[in-house]
Amino acid sequence: MEPIHGSQTTASALIGDLMRLLLHGGTPRDIETAALLRRIEIGVQVYEREFRAFLNGQASRPPGELEMALQAAFDELAQHPRRRCDLGFRLDALEARFHASSRLLAQRMARAERCPTLRLQHAS
């Protein structure tokens, strides 16, 4: 799995990796979980970059598809037992980072809805 760029392709790759992991059946092996965590980390980085671009008016819409794919991956991995503590810590750190960015985006979008000046900046 090599890194890919762009929220739609990243979301698609995340869903694909997650589906392969689920179709494998049983408890995911540590190597599979580690590979998915690498993909999730790339996804979180792309999500942060694209939501900043949206907030700065450089993108026309927020990275919603990627946000849903990341949330689905976190939800699914939370259901599996963790055999290695380092993978658990890494997953928790990535999920906390993602949720912080997601909350910030939601707050900024709500603020833009209340303030007409901010809405005009995003429209241009």
PDB file of N, CA and C in Angstrom:
ATOM      1  N   MET A   1       0.839  -1.183   0.000  1.00  0.00           N
ATOM      2  CA  MET A   1       0.000   0.000   0.000  1.00  0.00           C
ATOM      3  C   MET A   1       0.879   1.240   0.000  1.00  0.00           C
ATOM      4  N   GLU A   2       0.874   1.944  -1.084  1.00  0.00           N
ATOM      5  CA  GLU A   2       1.627   3.180  -1.123  1.00  0.00           C
ATOM      6  C   GLU A   2       0.697   4.355  -0.865  1.00  0.00           C
ATOM      7  N   PRO A   3       1.252   5.453  -0.324  1.00  0.00           N
ATOM      8  CA  PRO A   3       0.400   6.600  -0.008  1.00  0.00           C
ATOM      9  C   PRO A   3      -0.265   7.153  -1.262  1.00  0.00           C
ATOM     10  N   ILE A   4      -1.513   7.564  -1.108  1.00  0.00           N
ATOM     11  CA  ILE A   4      -2.235   8.219  -2.190  1.00  0.00           C
ATOM     12  C   ILE A   4      -2.740   9.552  -1.673  1.00  0.00           C
ATOM     13  N   HIS A   5      -3.060  10.430  -2.568  1.00  0.00           N
ATOM     14  CA  HIS A   5      -3.430  11.782  -2.163  1.00  0.00           C
ATOM     15  C   HIS A   5      -4.825  12.118  -2.664  1.00  0.00           C
ATOM     16  N   GLY A   6      -5.500  12.998  -1.955  1.00  0.00           N
ATOM     17  CA  GLY A   6      -6.850  13.411  -2.298  1.00  0.00           C
ATOM     18  C   GLY A   6      -7.853  12.688  -1.430  1.00  0.00           C
ATOM     19  N   SER A   7      -8.843  13.426  -0.949  1.00  0.00           N
ATOM     20  CA  SER A   7      -9.753  12.840   0.029  1.00  0.00           C
ATOM     21  C   SER A   7     -10.620  11.732  -0.559  1.00  0.00           C
ATOM     22  N   GLN A   8     -11.081  11.843  -1.809  1.00  0.00           N
ATOM     23  CA  GLN A   8     -11.940  10.798  -2.362  1.00  0.00           C
ATOM     24  C   GLN A   8     -11.170   9.507  -2.582  1.00  0.00           C
ATOM     25  N   THR A   9      -9.958   9.593  -3.143  1.00  0.00           N
ATOM     26  CA  THR A   9      -9.171   8.379  -3.347  1.00  0.00           C
ATOM     27  C   THR A   9      -8.719   7.794  -2.015  1.00  0.00           C
ATOM     28  N   THR A  10      -8.422   8.636  -1.041  1.00  0.00           N
ATOM     29  CA  THR A  10      -8.031   8.144   0.278  1.00  0.00           C
ATOM     30  C   THR A  10      -9.201   7.453   0.949  1.00  0.00           C
ATOM     31  N   ALA A  11     -10.388   8.025   0.850  1.00  0.00           N
ATOM     32  CA  ALA A  11     -11.575   7.404   1.435  1.00  0.00           C
ATOM     33  C   ALA A  11     -11.842   6.053   0.782  1.00  0.00           C
ATOM     34  N   SER A  12     -11.740   5.986  -0.523  1.00  0.00           N
ATOM     35  CA  SER A  12     -11.967   4.729  -1.234  1.00  0.00           C
ATOM     36  C   SER A  12     -10.949   3.669  -0.828  1.00  0.00           C
ATOM     37  N   ALA A  13      -9.696   4.070  -0.708  1.00  0.00           N
ATOM     38  CA  ALA A  13      -8.654   3.126  -0.304  1.00  0.00           C
ATOM     39  C   ALA A  13      -8.876   2.636   1.123  1.00  0.00           C
ATOM     40  N   LEU A  14      -9.279   3.540   2.006  1.00  0.00           N
ATOM     41  CA  LEU A  14      -9.557   3.149   3.392  1.00  0.00           C
ATOM     42  C   LEU A  14     -10.682   2.129   3.456  1.00  0.00           C
ATOM     43  N   ILE A  15     -11.755   2.383   2.739  1.00  0.00           N
ATOM     44  CA  ILE A  15     -12.882   1.460   2.730  1.00  0.00           C
ATOM     45  C   ILE A  15     -12.442   0.117   2.141  1.00  0.00           C
ATOM     46  N   GLY A  16     -11.653   0.145   1.088  1.00  0.00           N
ATOM     47  CA  GLY A  16     -11.152  -1.096   0.494  1.00  0.00           C
ATOM     48  C   GLY A  16     -10.304  -1.898   1.471  1.00  0.00           C
ATOM     49  N   ASP A  17      -9.393  -1.236   2.149  1.00  0.00           N
ATOM     50  CA  ASP A  17      -8.548  -1.910   3.132  1.00  0.00           C
ATOM     51  C   ASP A  17      -9.378  -2.467   4.283  1.00  0.00           C
ATOM     52  N   LEU A  18     -10.357  -1.697   4.724  1.00  0.00           N
ATOM     53  CA  LEU A  18     -11.222  -2.136   5.813  1.00  0.00           C
ATOM     54  C   LEU A  18     -12.046  -3.354   5.386  1.00  0.00           C
ATOM     55  N   MET A  19     -12.557  -3.342   4.172  1.00  0.00           N
ATOM     56  CA  MET A  19     -13.340  -4.479   3.681  1.00  0.00           C
ATOM     57  C   MET A  19     -12.471  -5.733   3.569  1.00  0.00           C
ATOM     58  N   ARG A  20     -11.247  -5.592   3.087  1.00  0.00           N
ATOM     59  CA  ARG A  20     -10.344  -6.749   3.007  1.00  0.00           C
ATOM     60  C   ARG A  20     -10.092  -7.318   4.396  1.00  0.00           C
ATOM     61  N   LEU A  21      -9.909  -6.450   5.355  1.00  0.00           N
ATOM     62  CA  LEU A  21      -9.676  -6.878   6.730  1.00  0.00           C
ATOM     63  C   LEU A  21     -10.891  -7.629   7.266  1.00  0.00           C
ATOM     64  N   LEU A  22     -12.090  -7.126   7.005  1.00  0.00           N
ATOM     65  CA  LEU A  22     -13.305  -7.762   7.499  1.00  0.00           C
ATOM     66  C   LEU A  22     -13.588  -9.078   6.781  1.00  0.00           C
ATOM     67  N   LEU A  23     -13.340  -9.124   5.475  1.00  0.00           N
ATOM     68  CA  LEU A  23     -13.605 -10.331   4.717  1.00  0.00           C
ATOM     69  C   LEU A  23     -12.625 -11.453   5.059  1.00  0.00           C
ATOM     70  N   HIS A  24     -11.470 -11.056   5.588  1.00  0.00           N
ATOM     71  CA  HIS A  24     -10.479 -12.041   6.021  1.00  0.00           C
ATOM     72  C   HIS A  24     -11.063 -12.904   7.129  1.00  0.00           C
ATOM     73  N   GLY A  25     -11.935 -12.313   7.926  1.00  0.00           N
ATOM     74  CA  GLY A  25     -12.624 -13.040   8.988  1.00  0.00           C
ATOM     75  C   GLY A  25     -11.784 -13.161  10.245  1.00  0.00           C
ATOM     76  N   GLY A  26     -12.475 -13.404  11.348  1.00  0.00           N
ATOM     77  CA  GLY A  26     -11.786 -13.567  12.623  1.00  0.00           C
ATOM     78  C   GLY A  26     -11.172 -12.276  13.122  1.00  0.00           C
ATOM     79  N   THR A  27     -10.255 -12.423  14.025  1.00  0.00           N
ATOM     80  CA  THR A  27      -9.547 -11.274  14.579  1.00  0.00           C
ATOM     81  C   THR A  27      -8.424 -10.889  13.624  1.00  0.00           C
ATOM     82  N   PRO A  28      -8.320  -9.595  13.285  1.00  0.00           N
ATOM     83  CA  PRO A  28      -7.243  -9.194  12.364  1.00  0.00           C
ATOM     84  C   PRO A  28      -5.874  -9.461  12.978  1.00  0.00           C
ATOM     85  N   ARG A  29      -4.956  -9.861  12.127  1.00  0.00           N
ATOM     86  CA  ARG A  29      -3.587 -10.070  12.585  1.00  0.00           C
ATOM     87  C   ARG A  29      -2.934  -8.717  12.805  1.00  0.00           C
ATOM     88  N   ASP A  30      -1.899  -8.711  13.644  1.00  0.00           N
ATOM     89  CA  ASP A  30      -1.210  -7.458  13.965  1.00  0.00           C
ATOM     90  C   ASP A  30      -0.658  -6.768  12.724  1.00  0.00           C
ATOM     91  N   ILE A  31      -0.146  -7.545  11.787  1.00  0.00           N
ATOM     92  CA  ILE A  31       0.425  -6.947  10.578  1.00  0.00           C
ATOM     93  C   ILE A  31      -0.664  -6.275   9.739  1.00  0.00           C
ATOM     94  N   GLU A  32      -1.853  -6.877   9.686  1.00  0.00           N
ATOM     95  CA  GLU A  32      -2.967  -6.264   8.956  1.00  0.00           C
ATOM     96  C   GLU A  32      -3.437  -4.992   9.645  1.00  0.00           C
ATOM     97  N   THR A  33      -3.522  -5.057  10.969  1.00  0.00           N
ATOM     98  CA  THR A  33      -3.937  -3.876  11.738  1.00  0.00           C
ATOM     99  C   THR A  33      -2.920  -2.756  11.569  1.00  0.00           C
ATOM    100  N   ALA A  34      -1.643  -3.080  11.612  1.00  0.00           N
ATOM    101  CA  ALA A  34      -0.595  -2.065  11.447  1.00  0.00           C
ATOM    102  C   ALA A  34      -0.676  -1.424  10.064  1.00  0.00           C
ATOM    103  N   ALA A  35      -0.935  -2.236   9.025  1.00  0.00           N
ATOM    104  CA  ALA A  35      -1.058  -1.693   7.665  1.00  0.00           C
ATOM    105  C   ALA A  35      -2.272  -0.770   7.563  1.00  0.00           C
ATOM    106  N   LEU A  36      -3.382  -1.172   8.174  1.00  0.00           N
ATOM    107  CA  LEU A  36      -4.572  -0.318   8.151  1.00  0.00           C
ATOM    108  C   LEU A  36      -4.333   0.967   8.933  1.00  0.00           C
ATOM    109  N   LEU A  37      -3.606   0.879  10.035  1.00  0.00           N
ATOM    110  CA  LEU A  37      -3.294   2.093  10.798  1.00  0.00           C
ATOM    111  C   LEU A  37      -2.423   3.051   9.998  1.00  0.00           C
ATOM    112  N   ARG A  38      -1.505   2.515   9.193  1.00  0.00           N
ATOM    113  CA  ARG A  38      -0.708   3.397   8.312  1.00  0.00           C
ATOM    114  C   ARG A  38      -1.631   4.111   7.330  1.00  0.00           C
ATOM    115  N   ARG A  39      -2.585   3.385   6.759  1.00  0.00           N
ATOM    116  CA  ARG A  39      -3.525   3.993   5.806  1.00  0.00           C
ATOM    117  C   ARG A  39      -4.397   5.031   6.512  1.00  0.00           C
ATOM    118  N   ILE A  40      -4.828   4.722   7.731  1.00  0.00           N
ATOM    119  CA  ILE A  40      -5.642   5.668   8.500  1.00  0.00           C
ATOM    120  C   ILE A  40      -4.841   6.921   8.808  1.00  0.00           C
ATOM    121  N   GLU A  41      -3.574   6.756   9.146  1.00  0.00           N
ATOM    122  CA  GLU A  41      -2.736   7.929   9.435  1.00  0.00           C
ATOM    123  C   GLU A  41      -2.634   8.832   8.207  1.00  0.00           C
ATOM    124  N   ILE A  42      -2.461   8.237   7.048  1.00  0.00           N
ATOM    125  CA  ILE A  42      -2.434   9.019   5.805  1.00  0.00           C
ATOM    126  C   ILE A  42      -3.782   9.712   5.620  1.00  0.00           C
ATOM    127  N   GLY A  43      -4.858   8.978   5.888  1.00  0.00           N
ATOM    128  CA  GLY A  43      -6.194   9.555   5.762  1.00  0.00           C
ATOM    129  C   GLY A  43      -6.416  10.736   6.684  1.00  0.00           C
ATOM    130  N   VAL A  44      -5.938  10.631   7.917  1.00  0.00           N
ATOM    131  CA  VAL A  44      -6.080  11.737   8.876  1.00  0.00           C
ATOM    132  C   VAL A  44      -5.283  12.948   8.395  1.00  0.00           C
ATOM    133  N   GLN A  45      -4.084  12.716   7.862  1.00  0.00           N
ATOM    134  CA  GLN A  45      -3.278  13.825   7.344  1.00  0.00           C
ATOM    135  C   GLN A  45      -3.976  14.509   6.171  1.00  0.00           C
ATOM    136  N   VAL A  46      -4.530  13.727   5.253  1.00  0.00           N
ATOM    137  CA  VAL A  46      -5.244  14.298   4.106  1.00  0.00           C
ATOM    138  C   VAL A  46      -6.481  15.047   4.587  1.00  0.00           C
ATOM    139  N   TYR A  47      -7.190  14.462   5.552  1.00  0.00           N
ATOM    140  CA  TYR A  47      -8.390  15.107   6.107  1.00  0.00           C
ATOM    141  C   TYR A  47      -8.027  16.460   6.705  1.00  0.00           C
ATOM    142  N   GLU A  48      -6.975  16.510   7.505  1.00  0.00           N
ATOM    143  CA  GLU A  48      -6.562  17.784   8.121  1.00  0.00           C
ATOM    144  C   GLU A  48      -6.171  18.806   7.055  1.00  0.00           C
ATOM    145  N   ARG A  49      -5.431  18.356   6.047  1.00  0.00           N
ATOM    146  CA  ARG A  49      -4.999  19.274   4.980  1.00  0.00           C
ATOM    147  C   ARG A  49      -6.199  19.806   4.200  1.00  0.00           C
ATOM    148  N   GLU A  50      -7.134  18.919   3.872  1.00  0.00           N
ATOM    149  CA  GLU A  50      -8.268  19.351   3.062  1.00  0.00           C
ATOM    150  C   GLU A  50      -9.277  20.171   3.854  1.00  0.00           C
ATOM    151  N   PHE A  51      -9.424  19.903   5.143  1.00  0.00           N
ATOM    152  CA  PHE A  51     -10.352  20.731   5.908  1.00  0.00           C
ATOM    153  C   PHE A  51      -9.753  22.110   6.139  1.00  0.00           C
ATOM    154  N   ARG A  52      -8.423  22.204   6.257  1.00  0.00           N
ATOM    155  CA  ARG A  52      -7.798  23.540   6.347  1.00  0.00           C
ATOM    156  C   ARG A  52      -7.978  24.297   5.038  1.00  0.00           C
ATOM    157  N   ALA A  53      -7.840  23.595   3.925  1.00  0.00           N
ATOM    158  CA  ALA A  53      -8.043  24.232   2.617  1.00  0.00           C
ATOM    159  C   ALA A  53      -9.480  24.734   2.495  1.00  0.00           C
ATOM    160  N   PHE A  54     -10.444  23.963   2.975  1.00  0.00           N
ATOM    161  CA  PHE A  54     -11.833  24.395   2.943  1.00  0.00           C
ATOM    162  C   PHE A  54     -12.028  25.630   3.816  1.00  0.00           C
ATOM    163  N   LEU A  55     -11.471  25.620   5.011  1.00  0.00           N
ATOM    164  CA  LEU A  55     -11.617  26.757   5.919  1.00  0.00           C
ATOM    165  C   LEU A  55     -10.966  28.019   5.364  1.00  0.00           C
ATOM    166  N   ASN A  56      -9.891  27.841   4.596  1.00  0.00           N
ATOM    167  CA  ASN A  56      -9.195  28.987   4.003  1.00  0.00           C
ATOM    168  C   ASN A  56      -9.802  29.418   2.674  1.00  0.00           C
ATOM    169  N   GLY A  57     -10.888  28.755   2.250  1.00  0.00           N
ATOM    170  CA  GLY A  57     -11.542  29.115   1.006  1.00  0.00           C
ATOM    171  C   GLY A  57     -10.887  28.547  -0.232  1.00  0.00           C
ATOM    172  N   GLN A  58      -9.930  27.614  -0.078  1.00  0.00           N
ATOM    173  CA  GLN A  58      -9.239  27.029  -1.219  1.00  0.00           C
ATOM    174  C   GLN A  58      -9.932  25.784  -1.756  1.00  0.00           C
ATOM    175  N   ALA A  59     -10.917  25.282  -1.037  1.00  0.00           N
ATOM    176  CA  ALA A  59     -11.689  24.112  -1.481  1.00  0.00           C
ATOM    177  C   ALA A  59     -13.167  24.465  -1.415  1.00  0.00           C
ATOM    178  N   SER A  60     -13.944  23.903  -2.335  1.00  0.00           N
ATOM    179  CA  SER A  60     -15.356  24.272  -2.409  1.00  0.00           C
ATOM    180  C   SER A  60     -16.238  23.524  -1.413  1.00  0.00           C
ATOM    181  N   ARG A  61     -15.759  22.375  -0.906  1.00  0.00           N
ATOM    182  CA  ARG A  61     -16.561  21.633   0.065  1.00  0.00           C
ATOM    183  C   ARG A  61     -15.647  20.920   1.059  1.00  0.00           C
ATOM    184  N   PRO A  62     -16.180  20.620   2.234  1.00  0.00           N
ATOM    185  CA  PRO A  62     -15.371  19.919   3.236  1.00  0.00           C
ATOM    186  C   PRO A  62     -15.175  18.451   2.844  1.00  0.00           C
ATOM    187  N   PRO A  63     -14.175  17.786   3.399  1.00  0.00           N
ATOM    188  CA  PRO A  63     -13.905  16.379   3.055  1.00  0.00           C
ATOM    189  C   PRO A  63     -14.840  15.406   3.776  1.00  0.00           C
ATOM    190  N   GLY A  64     -16.123  15.469   3.493  1.00  0.00           N
ATOM    191  CA  GLY A  64     -17.129  14.669   4.188  1.00  0.00           C
ATOM    192  C   GLY A  64     -17.016  13.179   3.944  1.00  0.00           C
ATOM    193  N   GLU A  65     -16.729  12.778   2.706  1.00  0.00           N
ATOM    194  CA  GLU A  65     -16.609  11.351   2.387  1.00  0.00           C
ATOM    195  C   GLU A  65     -15.452  10.725   3.162  1.00  0.00           C
ATOM    196  N   LEU A  66     -14.341  11.439   3.214  1.00  0.00           N
ATOM    197  CA  LEU A  66     -13.186  10.941   3.953  1.00  0.00           C
ATOM    198  C   LEU A  66     -13.493  10.886   5.445  1.00  0.00           C
ATOM    199  N   GLU A  67     -14.206  11.867   5.947  1.00  0.00           N
ATOM    200  CA  GLU A  67     -14.583  11.875   7.360  1.00  0.00           C
ATOM    201  C   GLU A  67     -15.413  10.630   7.703  1.00  0.00           C
ATOM    202  N   MET A  68     -16.361  10.283   6.851  1.00  0.00           N
ATOM    203  CA  MET A  68     -17.194   9.097   7.103  1.00  0.00           C
ATOM    204  C   MET A  68     -16.374   7.810   7.014  1.00  0.00           C
ATOM    205  N   ALA A  69     -15.442   7.750   6.053  1.00  0.00           N
ATOM    206  CA  ALA A  69     -14.601   6.551   5.915  1.00  0.00           C
ATOM    207  C   ALA A  69     -13.695   6.373   7.136  1.00  0.00           C
ATOM    208  N   LEU A  70     -13.121   7.474   7.610  1.00  0.00           N
ATOM    209  CA  LEU A  70     -12.274   7.389   8.802  1.00  0.00           C
ATOM    210  C   LEU A  70     -13.088   6.963  10.017  1.00  0.00           C
ATOM    211  N   GLN A  71     -14.278   7.533  10.174  1.00  0.00           N
ATOM    212  CA  GLN A  71     -15.116   7.169  11.321  1.00  0.00           C
ATOM    213  C   GLN A  71     -15.486   5.691  11.267  1.00  0.00           C
ATOM    214  N   ALA A  72     -15.803   5.183  10.080  1.00  0.00           N
ATOM    215  CA  ALA A  72     -16.138   3.762   9.927  1.00  0.00           C
ATOM    216  C   ALA A  72     -14.949   2.875  10.294  1.00  0.00           C
ATOM    217  N   ALA A  73     -13.754   3.282   9.887  1.00  0.00           N
ATOM    218  CA  ALA A  73     -12.555   2.506  10.213  1.00  0.00           C
ATOM    219  C   ALA A  73     -12.306   2.495  11.719  1.00  0.00           C
ATOM    220  N   PHE A  74     -12.439   3.651  12.359  1.00  0.00           N
ATOM    221  CA  PHE A  74     -12.250   3.706  13.812  1.00  0.00           C
ATOM    222  C   PHE A  74     -13.295   2.863  14.536  1.00  0.00           C
ATOM    223  N   ASP A  75     -14.541   2.940  14.095  1.00  0.00           N
ATOM    224  CA  ASP A  75     -15.616   2.176  14.722  1.00  0.00           C
ATOM    225  C   ASP A  75     -15.366   0.676  14.595  1.00  0.00           C
ATOM    226  N   GLU A  76     -14.940   0.251  13.423  1.00  0.00           N
ATOM    227  CA  GLU A  76     -14.709  -1.179  13.200  1.00  0.00           C
ATOM    228  C   GLU A  76     -13.516  -1.677  14.020  1.00  0.00           C
ATOM    229  N   LEU A  77     -12.438  -0.929  14.026  1.00  0.00           N
ATOM    230  CA  LEU A  77     -11.261  -1.356  14.782  1.00  0.00           C
ATOM    231  C   LEU A  77     -11.520  -1.363  16.287  1.00  0.00           C
ATOM    232  N   ALA A  78     -12.427  -0.518  16.749  1.00  0.00           N
ATOM    233  CA  ALA A  78     -12.748  -0.480  18.176  1.00  0.00           C
ATOM    234  C   ALA A  78     -13.433  -1.768  18.620  1.00  0.00           C
ATOM    235  N   GLN A  79     -14.035  -2.490  17.695  1.00  0.00           N
ATOM    236  CA  GLN A  79     -14.744  -3.717  18.038  1.00  0.00           C
ATOM    237  C   GLN A  79     -13.829  -4.934  18.149  1.00  0.00           C
ATOM    238  N   HIS A  80     -12.591  -4.812  17.682  1.00  0.00           N
ATOM    239  CA  HIS A  80     -11.666  -5.937  17.716  1.00  0.00           C
ATOM    240  C   HIS A  80     -10.748  -5.845  18.927  1.00  0.00           C
ATOM    241  N   PRO A  81     -10.449  -6.980  19.541  1.00  0.00           N
ATOM    242  CA  PRO A  81      -9.519  -6.952  20.684  1.00  0.00           C
ATOM    243  C   PRO A  81      -8.116  -6.566  20.220  1.00  0.00           C
ATOM    244  N   ARG A  82      -7.415  -5.909  21.081  1.00  0.00           N
ATOM    245  CA  ARG A  82      -6.050  -5.465  20.757  1.00  0.00           C
ATOM    246  C   ARG A  82      -5.056  -6.358  21.477  1.00  0.00           C
ATOM    247  N   ARG A  83      -4.219  -6.979  20.690  1.00  0.00           N
ATOM    248  CA  ARG A  83      -3.218  -7.861  21.284  1.00  0.00           C
ATOM    249  C   ARG A  83      -1.922  -7.112  21.587  1.00  0.00           C
ATOM    250  N   ARG A  84      -1.649  -6.097  20.828  1.00  0.00           N
ATOM    251  CA  ARG A  84      -0.412  -5.332  21.050  1.00  0.00           C
ATOM    252  C   ARG A  84      -0.770  -3.943  21.549  1.00  0.00           C
ATOM    253  N   CYS A  85      -0.165  -3.574  22.657  1.00  0.00           N
ATOM    254  CA  CYS A  85      -0.447  -2.259  23.259  1.00  0.00           C
ATOM    255  C   CYS A  85      -0.033  -1.113  22.354  1.00  0.00           C
ATOM    256  N   ASP A  86       1.089  -1.261  21.631  1.00  0.00           N
ATOM    257  CA  ASP A  86       1.550  -0.160  20.790  1.00  0.00           C
ATOM    258  C   ASP A  86       0.548   0.155  19.691  1.00  0.00           C
ATOM    259  N   LEU A  87      -0.094  -0.872  19.129  1.00  0.00           N
ATOM    260  CA  LEU A  87      -1.110  -0.624  18.107  1.00  0.00           C
ATOM    261  C   LEU A  87      -2.342   0.051  18.713  1.00  0.00           C
ATOM    262  N   GLY A  88      -2.682  -0.338  19.932  1.00  0.00           N
ATOM    263  CA  GLY A  88      -3.806   0.297  20.623  1.00  0.00           C
ATOM    264  C   GLY A  88      -3.546   1.758  20.911  1.00  0.00           C
ATOM    265  N   PHE A  89      -2.350   2.070  21.378  1.00  0.00           N
ATOM    266  CA  PHE A  89      -1.993   3.466  21.648  1.00  0.00           C
ATOM    267  C   PHE A  89      -1.998   4.284  20.357  1.00  0.00           C
ATOM    268  N   ARG A  90      -1.459   3.695  19.285  1.00  0.00           N
ATOM    269  CA  ARG A  90      -1.420   4.407  18.004  1.00  0.00           C
ATOM    270  C   ARG A  90      -2.833   4.675  17.490  1.00  0.00           C
ATOM    271  N   LEU A  91      -3.703   3.662  17.583  1.00  0.00           N
ATOM    272  CA  LEU A  91      -5.089   3.830  17.156  1.00  0.00           C
ATOM    273  C   LEU A  91      -5.776   4.915  17.978  1.00  0.00           C
ATOM    274  N   ASP A  92      -5.601   4.888  19.293  1.00  0.00           N
ATOM    275  CA  ASP A  92      -6.221   5.901  20.156  1.00  0.00           C
ATOM    276  C   ASP A  92      -5.733   7.300  19.826  1.00  0.00           C
ATOM    277  N   ALA A  93      -4.431   7.436  19.563  1.00  0.00           N
ATOM    278  CA  ALA A  93      -3.866   8.754  19.233  1.00  0.00           C
ATOM    279  C   ALA A  93      -4.415   9.274  17.905  1.00  0.00           C
ATOM    280  N   LEU A  94      -4.500   8.392  16.904  1.00  0.00           N
ATOM    281  CA  LEU A  94      -5.046   8.802  15.606  1.00  0.00           C
ATOM    282  C   LEU A  94      -6.518   9.181  15.722  1.00  0.00           C
ATOM    283  N   GLU A  95      -7.268   8.408  16.500  1.00  0.00           N
ATOM    284  CA  GLU A  95      -8.690   8.708  16.659  1.00  0.00           C
ATOM    285  C   GLU A  95      -8.890  10.033  17.382  1.00  0.00           C
ATOM    286  N   ALA A  96      -8.088  10.314  18.402  1.00  0.00           N
ATOM    287  CA  ALA A  96      -8.197  11.586  19.124  1.00  0.00           C
ATOM    288  C   ALA A  96      -7.859  12.757  18.201  1.00  0.00           C
ATOM    289  N   ARG A  97      -6.823  12.594  17.398  1.00  0.00           N
ATOM    290  CA  ARG A  97      -6.423  13.638  16.453  1.00  0.00           C
ATOM    291  C   ARG A  97      -7.531  13.890  15.434  1.00  0.00           C
ATOM    292  N   PHE A  98      -8.119  12.819  14.913  1.00  0.00           N
ATOM    293  CA  PHE A  98      -9.205  12.932  13.950  1.00  0.00           C
ATOM    294  C   PHE A  98     -10.411  13.643  14.564  1.00  0.00           C
ATOM    295  N   HIS A  99     -10.806  13.230  15.772  1.00  0.00           N
ATOM    296  CA  HIS A  99     -11.979  13.835  16.405  1.00  0.00           C
ATOM    297  C   HIS A  99     -11.757  15.311  16.723  1.00  0.00           C
ATOM    298  N   ALA A 100     -10.545  15.675  17.098  1.00  0.00           N
ATOM    299  CA  ALA A 100     -10.246  17.089  17.356  1.00  0.00           C
ATOM    300  C   ALA A 100     -10.414  17.904  16.070  1.00  0.00           C
ATOM    301  N   SER A 101      -9.891  17.401  14.963  1.00  0.00           N
ATOM    302  CA  SER A 101     -10.028  18.102  13.681  1.00  0.00           C
ATOM    303  C   SER A 101     -11.488  18.145  13.237  1.00  0.00           C
ATOM    304  N   SER A 102     -12.197  17.056  13.420  1.00  0.00           N
ATOM    305  CA  SER A 102     -13.601  16.990  13.027  1.00  0.00           C
ATOM    306  C   SER A 102     -14.456  17.984  13.823  1.00  0.00           C
ATOM    307  N   ARG A 103     -14.207  18.069  15.131  1.00  0.00           N
ATOM    308  CA  ARG A 103     -14.958  19.026  15.952  1.00  0.00           C
ATOM    309  C   ARG A 103     -14.636  20.461  15.558  1.00  0.00           C
ATOM    310  N   LEU A 104     -13.368  20.732  15.279  1.00  0.00           N
ATOM    311  CA  LEU A 104     -12.977  22.078  14.864  1.00  0.00           C
ATOM    312  C   LEU A 104     -13.669  22.451  13.550  1.00  0.00           C
ATOM    313  N   LEU A 105     -13.711  21.525  12.610  1.00  0.00           N
ATOM    314  CA  LEU A 105     -14.386  21.797  11.341  1.00  0.00           C
ATOM    315  C   LEU A 105     -15.865  22.076  11.565  1.00  0.00           C
ATOM    316  N   ALA A 106     -16.514  21.259  12.393  1.00  0.00           N
ATOM    317  CA  ALA A 106     -17.947  21.463  12.672  1.00  0.00           C
ATOM    318  C   ALA A 106     -18.189  22.823  13.331  1.00  0.00           C
ATOM    319  N   GLN A 107     -17.329  23.210  14.256  1.00  0.00           N
ATOM    320  CA  GLN A 107     -17.473  24.509  14.918  1.00  0.00           C
ATOM    321  C   GLN A 107     -17.281  25.651  13.930  1.00  0.00           C
ATOM    322  N   ARG A 108     -16.272  25.541  13.085  1.00  0.00           N
ATOM    323  CA  ARG A 108     -16.012  26.607  12.105  1.00  0.00           C
ATOM    324  C   ARG A 108     -17.143  26.719  11.099  1.00  0.00           C
ATOM    325  N   MET A 109     -17.686  25.589  10.677  1.00  0.00           N
ATOM    326  CA  MET A 109     -18.795  25.631   9.722  1.00  0.00           C
ATOM    327  C   MET A 109     -20.039  26.230  10.366  1.00  0.00           C
ATOM    328  N   ALA A 110     -20.293  25.901  11.634  1.00  0.00           N
ATOM    329  CA  ALA A 110     -21.441  26.475  12.339  1.00  0.00           C
ATOM    330  C   ALA A 110     -21.262  27.977  12.503  1.00  0.00           C
ATOM    331  N   ARG A 111     -20.051  28.398  12.801  1.00  0.00           N
ATOM    332  CA  ARG A 111     -19.761  29.833  12.939  1.00  0.00           C
ATOM    333  C   ARG A 111     -19.955  30.545  11.611  1.00  0.00           C
ATOM    334  N   ALA A 112     -19.537  29.909  10.518  1.00  0.00           N
ATOM    335  CA  ALA A 112     -19.695  30.521   9.192  1.00  0.00           C
ATOM    336  C   ALA A 112     -21.168  30.670   8.827  1.00  0.00           C
ATOM    337  N   GLU A 113     -21.993  29.717   9.266  1.00  0.00           N
ATOM    338  CA  GLU A 113     -23.429  29.815   9.007  1.00  0.00           C
ATOM    339  C   GLU A 113     -24.060  30.987   9.750  1.00  0.00           C
ATOM    340  N   ARG A 114     -23.540  31.281  10.933  1.00  0.00           N
ATOM    341  CA  ARG A 114     -24.095  32.380  11.734  1.00  0.00           C
ATOM    342  C   ARG A 114     -23.578  33.742  11.301  1.00  0.00           C
ATOM    343  N   CYS A 115     -22.429  33.777  10.670  1.00  0.00           N
ATOM    344  CA  CYS A 115     -21.799  35.058  10.331  1.00  0.00           C
ATOM    345  C   CYS A 115     -21.767  35.227   8.805  1.00  0.00           C
ATOM    346  N   PRO A 116     -22.524  36.182   8.252  1.00  0.00           N
ATOM    347  CA  PRO A 116     -22.578  36.369   6.795  1.00  0.00           C
ATOM    348  C   PRO A 116     -21.218  36.704   6.178  1.00  0.00           C
ATOM    349  N   THR A 117     -20.361  37.406   6.901  1.00  0.00           N
ATOM    350  CA  THR A 117     -19.049  37.770   6.366  1.00  0.00           C
ATOM    351  C   THR A 117     -18.223  36.533   6.080  1.00  0.00           C
ATOM    352  N   LEU A 118     -18.262  35.553   6.980  1.00  0.00           N
ATOM    353  CA  LEU A 118     -17.511  34.326   6.764  1.00  0.00           C
ATOM    354  C   LEU A 118     -18.082  33.537   5.591  1.00  0.00           C
ATOM    355  N   ARG A 119     -19.396  33.530   5.426  1.00  0.00           N
ATOM    356  CA  ARG A 119     -20.019  32.815   4.311  1.00  0.00           C
ATOM    357  C   ARG A 119     -19.555  33.391   2.976  1.00  0.00           C
ATOM    358  N   LEU A 120     -19.416  34.710   2.899  1.00  0.00           N
ATOM    359  CA  LEU A 120     -18.970  35.345   1.667  1.00  0.00           C
ATOM    360  C   LEU A 120     -17.537  34.947   1.341  1.00  0.00           C
ATOM    361  N   GLN A 121     -16.691  34.781   2.343  1.00  0.00           N
ATOM    362  CA  GLN A 121     -15.314  34.378   2.112  1.00  0.00           C
ATOM    363  C   GLN A 121     -15.262  32.976   1.512  1.00  0.00           C
ATOM    364  N   HIS A 122     -16.123  32.066   1.976  1.00  0.00           N
ATOM    365  CA  HIS A 122     -16.119  30.704   1.438  1.00  0.00           C
ATOM    366  C   HIS A 122     -16.725  30.653   0.046  1.00  0.00           C
ATOM    367  N   ALA A 123     -17.607  31.557  -0.267  1.00  0.00           N
ATOM    368  CA  ALA A 123     -18.249  31.565  -1.587  1.00  0.00           C
ATOM    369  C   ALA A 123     -17.298  32.054  -2.667  1.00  0.00           C
ATOM    370  N   SER A 124     -16.332  32.886  -2.305  1.00  0.00           N
ATOM    371  CA  SER A 124     -15.425  33.421  -3.321  1.00  0.00           C
ATOM    372  C   SER A 124     -14.264  32.520  -3.622  1.00  0.00           C
TER     373      SER A 124
END
